Amino acid sequence: MEKDFDELTIADDYMFYRVMEDPDICKTLLNRVLQGKVETITDIELQKTIDDAGRAKGVRFDVWAKDCKGRIYDVEMSFSDRHPCLSENTSFAIWQNIAAA
């Protein structure tokens, strides 16, 4: 089912990726969640894939971002009740790689 552009929300993949590919918007979201600890975003990759490495499984990140200090952030869209059409049940999960890349 396709939606008109005016019907899209941040919970729709297309809009989520278009918004998050902007470094300033990505930094703003990260700073709101992480209470202002994010430096300038220098690199963003959408749907970044790390392929199978030896005996480990591969993984795909919704939004992979790196700041000027080499810190890596993983922003994932998640749906608490598995119904992506219900935006009030949408949340963002953000993980920060503790070790500098």
Protein backbone atom coordinates (compact mmCIF):
# COMPACT_ATOMS: atom_id res chain seq x y z
CA MET A 1 0.00 0.00 0.00
CA GLU A 2 1.49 3.30 -1.07
CA LYS A 3 0.82 6.55 0.77
CA ASP A 4 0.78 10.08 -0.53
CA PHE A 5 3.80 12.11 0.57
CA ASP A 6 1.59 14.29 2.82
CA GLU A 7 0.46 11.18 4.73
CA LEU A 8 3.98 10.03 5.64
CA THR A 9 5.24 10.24 9.23
CA ILE A 10 8.65 9.62 10.77
CA ALA A 11 7.48 6.02 11.34
CA ASP A 12 7.52 5.39 7.57
CA ASP A 13 10.83 4.04 6.29
CA TYR A 14 11.11 6.57 3.47
CA MET A 15 10.59 9.58 5.75
CA PHE A 16 12.73 8.16 8.56
CA TYR A 17 15.70 7.71 6.23
CA ARG A 18 15.27 11.07 4.49
CA VAL A 19 15.17 12.87 7.85
CA MET A 20 18.02 10.94 9.45
CA GLU A 21 20.41 11.37 6.51
CA ASP A 22 20.68 15.07 7.43
CA PRO A 23 23.66 15.43 9.85
CA ASP A 24 22.12 18.37 11.72
CA ILE A 25 18.80 16.61 12.30
CA CYS A 26 20.56 13.38 13.25
CA LYS A 27 22.74 15.26 15.77
CA THR A 28 19.70 17.04 17.20
CA LEU A 29 17.86 13.75 17.79
CA LEU A 30 20.94 12.12 19.33
CA ASN A 31 21.52 15.11 21.61
CA ARG A 32 17.92 15.08 22.82
CA VAL A 33 18.17 11.42 23.73
CA LEU A 34 21.75 11.51 25.04
CA GLN A 35 21.39 14.90 26.78
CA GLY A 36 23.71 16.98 24.62
CA LYS A 37 26.76 14.71 24.51
CA VAL A 38 27.05 14.34 20.73
CA GLU A 39 29.68 16.24 18.75
CA THR A 40 29.50 17.17 15.06
CA ILE A 41 28.27 14.24 12.95
CA THR A 42 30.88 13.48 10.29
CA ASP A 43 29.48 10.33 8.68
CA ILE A 44 26.03 8.78 8.27
CA GLU A 45 25.23 5.49 6.58
CA LEU A 46 21.65 4.34 6.09
CA GLN A 47 20.97 0.61 6.37
CA LYS A 48 24.67 -0.09 6.95
CA THR A 49 25.42 -3.79 6.70
CA ILE A 50 28.27 -5.60 8.37
CA ASP A 51 28.47 -8.95 6.67
CA ASP A 52 29.18 -12.30 8.17
CA ALA A 53 32.52 -12.23 9.96
CA GLY A 54 33.79 -15.72 10.49
CA ARG A 55 31.29 -17.60 12.63
CA ALA A 56 29.29 -14.50 13.60
CA LYS A 57 26.09 -13.46 11.85
CA GLY A 58 25.91 -10.28 9.81
CA VAL A 59 23.94 -7.27 11.05
CA ARG A 60 22.14 -4.30 9.48
CA PHE A 61 21.85 -0.93 11.23
CA ASP A 62 18.96 1.41 10.33
CA VAL A 63 21.13 4.51 10.80
CA TRP A 64 24.84 4.31 11.59
CA ALA A 65 26.37 7.69 12.51
CA LYS A 66 29.87 8.73 13.55
CA ASP A 67 30.88 11.97 15.27
CA CYS A 68 34.10 13.98 15.01
CA LYS A 69 35.54 12.17 18.06
CA GLY A 70 35.07 8.79 16.38
CA ARG A 71 32.09 7.74 18.51
CA ILE A 72 29.60 5.56 16.67
CA TYR A 73 25.83 5.71 17.14
CA ASP A 74 23.23 3.17 16.01
CA VAL A 75 19.71 4.58 15.61
CA GLU A 76 17.00 1.97 15.17
CA MET A 77 13.31 2.42 14.49
CA SER A 78 11.31 0.08 16.71
CA PHE A 79 7.63 -0.68 17.16
CA SER A 80 6.49 -1.83 20.57
CA ASP A 81 3.45 -3.75 19.35
CA ARG A 82 4.80 -4.75 15.91
CA HIS A 83 2.24 -2.54 14.13
CA PRO A 84 4.31 0.05 12.21
CA CYS A 85 1.22 1.92 11.04
CA LEU A 86 0.55 3.15 14.59
CA SER A 87 3.00 6.00 15.07
CA GLU A 88 2.11 6.51 18.75
CA ASN A 89 3.68 3.09 19.40
CA THR A 90 6.89 4.02 17.63
CA SER A 91 10.09 4.66 19.49
CA PHE A 92 13.73 5.17 18.63
CA ALA A 93 16.40 2.97 20.08
CA ILE A 94 19.86 4.48 20.15
CA TRP A 95 23.02 2.68 21.07
CA GLN A 96 26.38 4.30 21.40
CA ASN A 97 29.58 2.40 20.83
CA ILE A 98 31.61 3.06 23.96
CA ALA A 99 34.95 2.43 22.30
CA ALA A 100 36.12 5.04 19.82
CA ALA A 101 36.35 3.70 16.28
